[in-house]
C-alpha atoms as a PDB file:
ATOM      1  CA  MET A   1      20.172 -25.638  20.495  1.00  0.00           C
ATOM      2  CA  ASN A   2      20.092 -22.362  22.422  1.00  0.00           C
ATOM      3  CA  ASP A   3      17.216 -21.537  24.765  1.00  0.00           C
ATOM      4  CA  PHE A   4      16.273 -18.443  22.768  1.00  0.00           C
ATOM      5  CA  VAL A   5      15.897 -20.590  19.641  1.00  0.00           C
ATOM      6  CA  LYS A   6      13.630 -22.979  21.552  1.00  0.00           C
ATOM      7  CA  ASP A   7      11.606 -19.959  22.736  1.00  0.00           C
ATOM      8  CA  MET A   8      11.275 -18.719  19.153  1.00  0.00           C
ATOM      9  CA  ILE A   9      10.011 -22.131  18.051  1.00  0.00           C
ATOM     10  CA  ILE A  10       7.390 -22.150  20.821  1.00  0.00           C
ATOM     11  CA  GLU A  11       6.384 -18.580  20.012  1.00  0.00           C
ATOM     12  CA  HIS A  12       6.123 -19.336  16.289  1.00  0.00           C
ATOM     13  CA  LYS A  13       4.058 -22.470  16.879  1.00  0.00           C
ATOM     14  CA  GLN A  14       1.620 -20.633  19.189  1.00  0.00           C
ATOM     15  CA  LEU A  15       1.399 -17.730  16.745  1.00  0.00           C
ATOM     16  CA  CYS A  16       0.571 -20.081  13.865  1.00  0.00           C
ATOM     17  CA  GLU A  17      -2.240 -21.628  15.910  1.00  0.00           C
ATOM     18  CA  LYS A  18      -3.666 -18.150  16.599  1.00  0.00           C
ATOM     19  CA  ILE A  19      -3.341 -17.249  12.922  1.00  0.00           C
ATOM     20  CA  ASP A  20      -5.321 -20.364  11.961  1.00  0.00           C
ATOM     21  CA  LYS A  21      -8.104 -19.490  14.441  1.00  0.00           C
ATOM     22  CA  LEU A  22      -8.333 -15.859  13.346  1.00  0.00           C
ATOM     23  CA  ASN A  23      -8.172 -16.906   9.710  1.00  0.00           C
ATOM     24  CA  GLU A  24     -11.198 -19.149  10.328  1.00  0.00           C
ATOM     25  CA  VAL A  25     -13.139 -16.194  11.737  1.00  0.00           C
ATOM     26  CA  VAL A  26     -12.151 -13.734   9.030  1.00  0.00           C
ATOM     27  CA  TYR A  27     -12.562 -15.949   5.969  1.00  0.00           C
ATOM     28  CA  ASN A  28     -15.431 -18.249   6.942  1.00  0.00           C
ATOM     29  CA  ASP A  29     -18.821 -16.611   6.372  1.00  0.00           C
ATOM     30  CA  GLU A  30     -20.550 -19.512   8.160  1.00  0.00           C
ATOM     31  CA  ASN A  31     -18.646 -18.948  11.409  1.00  0.00           C
ATOM     32  CA  PRO A  32     -21.112 -17.498  13.976  1.00  0.00           C
ATOM     33  CA  ILE A  33     -18.502 -15.034  15.266  1.00  0.00           C
ATOM     34  CA  HIS A  34     -18.117 -13.662  11.736  1.00  0.00           C
ATOM     35  CA  LYS A  35     -21.857 -12.919  11.527  1.00  0.00           C
ATOM     36  CA  GLN A  36     -21.847 -11.078  14.890  1.00  0.00           C
ATOM     37  CA  THR A  37     -18.873  -8.849  14.048  1.00  0.00           C
ATOM     38  CA  ASN A  38     -19.436  -5.305  12.804  1.00  0.00           C
ATOM     39  CA  LYS A  39     -17.498  -4.015   9.799  1.00  0.00           C
ATOM     40  CA  TYR A  40     -15.039  -2.020  11.946  1.00  0.00           C
ATOM     41  CA  ASP A  41     -14.081  -5.013  14.059  1.00  0.00           C
ATOM     42  CA  TYR A  42     -13.866  -7.103  10.890  1.00  0.00           C
ATOM     43  CA  ALA A  43     -11.471  -4.578   9.317  1.00  0.00           C
ATOM     44  CA  ASN A  44      -9.371  -4.544  12.480  1.00  0.00           C
ATOM     45  CA  MET A  45      -9.263  -8.350  12.537  1.00  0.00           C
ATOM     46  CA  CYS A  46      -8.010  -8.295   8.936  1.00  0.00           C
ATOM     47  CA  ILE A  47      -5.261  -5.854   9.902  1.00  0.00           C
ATOM     48  CA  GLN A  48      -4.402  -7.982  12.930  1.00  0.00           C
ATOM     49  CA  LEU A  49      -4.258 -11.143  10.804  1.00  0.00           C
ATOM     50  CA  MET A  50      -1.939  -9.493   8.309  1.00  0.00           C
ATOM     51  CA  SER A  51       0.332  -8.282  11.116  1.00  0.00           C
ATOM     52  CA  MET A  52       0.401 -11.716  12.724  1.00  0.00           C
ATOM     53  CA  LYS A  53       1.368 -13.318   9.401  1.00  0.00           C
ATOM     54  CA  ASN A  54       4.161 -10.766   8.939  1.00  0.00           C
ATOM     55  CA  TYR A  55       5.429 -11.475  12.452  1.00  0.00           C
ATOM     56  CA  ALA A  56       5.337 -15.237  11.803  1.00  0.00           C
ATOM     57  CA  GLU A  57       7.384 -14.666   8.653  1.00  0.00           C
ATOM     58  CA  ALA A  58       9.917 -12.598  10.635  1.00  0.00           C
ATOM     59  CA  LEU A  59      10.228 -15.404  13.182  1.00  0.00           C
ATOM     60  CA  GLU A  60      10.755 -17.908  10.356  1.00  0.00           C
ATOM     61  CA  CYS A  61      13.576 -15.747   8.991  1.00  0.00           C
ATOM     62  CA  ARG A  62      15.179 -15.521  12.426  1.00  0.00           C
ATOM     63  CA  LEU A  63      14.859 -19.289  12.851  1.00  0.00           C
ATOM     64  CA  ASP A  64      16.393 -19.799   9.421  1.00  0.00           C
ATOM     65  CA  ASN A  65      19.346 -17.665  10.516  1.00  0.00           C
ATOM     66  CA  GLN A  66      19.791 -20.119  13.405  1.00  0.00           C
ATOM     67  CA  GLY A  67      19.739 -23.147  11.094  1.00  0.00           C
ATOM     68  CA  ILE A  68      16.089 -24.103  11.711  1.00  0.00           C
ATOM     69  CA  TYR A  69      13.400 -24.173   9.053  1.00  0.00           C
ATOM     70  CA  VAL A  70       9.694 -24.954   9.131  1.00  0.00           C
ATOM     71  CA  ASP A  71       8.750 -27.645   6.629  1.00  0.00           C
ATOM     72  CA  THR A  72       5.412 -27.905   4.824  1.00  0.00           C
ATOM     73  CA  ASP A  73       3.979 -30.082   7.592  1.00  0.00           C
ATOM     74  CA  GLY A  74       4.771 -27.442  10.229  1.00  0.00           C
ATOM     75  CA  ASP A  75       7.664 -29.414  11.700  1.00  0.00           C
ATOM     76  CA  TYR A  76      10.792 -27.593  12.824  1.00  0.00           C
ATOM     77  CA  VAL A  77      13.858 -29.109  11.196  1.00  0.00           C
ATOM     78  CA  GLN A  78      17.474 -28.331  11.998  1.00  0.00           C
ATOM     79  CA  LYS A  79      19.716 -27.893   8.985  1.00  0.00           C
ATOM     80  CA  LEU A  80      22.930 -29.861   8.831  1.00  0.00           C
ATOM     81  CA  LYS A  81      26.137 -27.886   8.560  1.00  0.00           C
ATOM     82  CA  VAL A  82      28.183 -29.200   5.670  1.00  0.00           C
ATOM     83  CA  ASP A  83      31.599 -27.792   4.872  1.00  0.00           C
ATOM     84  CA  THR A  84      31.607 -27.037   1.202  1.00  0.00           C
ATOM     85  CA  PRO A  85      34.631 -25.841  -0.700  1.00  0.00           C
ATOM     86  CA  LYS A  86      34.709 -22.191  -1.628  1.00  0.00           C
ATOM     87  CA  VAL A  87      34.243 -21.244  -5.262  1.00  0.00           C
ATOM     88  CA  ALA A  88      37.800 -19.902  -5.312  1.00  0.00           C
ATOM     89  CA  ASP A  89      39.075 -23.304  -4.138  1.00  0.00           C
ATOM     90  CA  ILE A  90      37.210 -25.116  -6.872  1.00  0.00           C
ATOM     91  CA  PHE A  91      38.211 -22.977  -9.813  1.00  0.00           C
ATOM     92  CA  VAL A  92      41.846 -22.229  -8.999  1.00  0.00           C
ATOM     93  CA  CYS A  93      44.106 -23.240 -11.839  1.00  0.00           C
ATOM     94  CA  ASP A  94      47.510 -22.249 -13.182  1.00  0.00           C
ATOM     95  CA  VAL A  95      47.205 -20.857 -16.667  1.00  0.00           C
ATOM     96  CA  THR A  96      50.115 -19.580 -18.719  1.00  0.00           C
ATOM     97  CA  ILE A  97      49.134 -17.440 -21.650  1.00  0.00           C
ATOM     98  CA  GLN A  98      51.409 -17.801 -24.658  1.00  0.00           C
ATOM     99  CA  PRO A  99      51.722 -14.992 -27.182  1.00  0.00           C
ATOM    100  CA  PRO A 100      50.093 -15.761 -30.512  1.00  0.00           C
ATOM    101  CA  VAL A 101      52.318 -17.541 -33.018  1.00  0.00           C
ATOM    102  CA  GLU A 102      52.683 -15.753 -36.329  1.00  0.00           C
ATOM    103  CA  LYS A 103      51.966 -17.935 -39.316  1.00  0.00           C
ATOM    104  CA  LYS A 104      54.271 -17.565 -42.268  1.00  0.00           C
ATOM    105  CA  ASP A 105      52.877 -17.744 -45.740  1.00  0.00           C
ATOM    106  CA  ALA A 106      54.215 -20.806 -47.564  1.00  0.00           C
ATOM    107  CA  GLY A 107      55.354 -18.690 -50.490  1.00  0.00           C
ATOM    108  CA  SER A 108      57.028 -16.006 -48.381  1.00  0.00           C
ATOM    109  CA  ASP A 109      60.281 -17.978 -48.059  1.00  0.00           C
ATOM    110  CA  LYS A 110      60.870 -17.956 -51.821  1.00  0.00           C
ATOM    111  CA  ASP A 111      63.445 -15.640 -53.167  1.00  0.00           C
ATOM    112  CA  ILE A 112      61.557 -13.120 -55.288  1.00  0.00           C
ATOM    113  CA  ASP A 113      64.655 -12.100 -57.311  1.00  0.00           C
ATOM    114  CA  LYS A 114      65.148 -15.611 -58.662  1.00  0.00           C
ATOM    115  CA  GLN A 115      61.794 -15.616 -60.456  1.00  0.00           C
END
């Protein structure tokens, strides 16, 4: 694993911890910090929280591009690379199309003049 991927994992983990703490302040009316905050600071904290969540999502996308995903428990898991056949390799077949065969009417071979 590259060093920059390790740095992204550390950054994402720290960011998620900060998101959890700020989330506790913003959405918990019983938190003493929440009661001491004026409405302008509260609005700014909401904006900050939204921005932090967007940044965490961007980091998750970048990690995913590097073959790392964050599971539901918050663990960082490396995806296995599996060579899978291409769709073109799976569905290649040799098909020969025959022209339609004309059906003859059973009575068409009879000689009409003999009747």
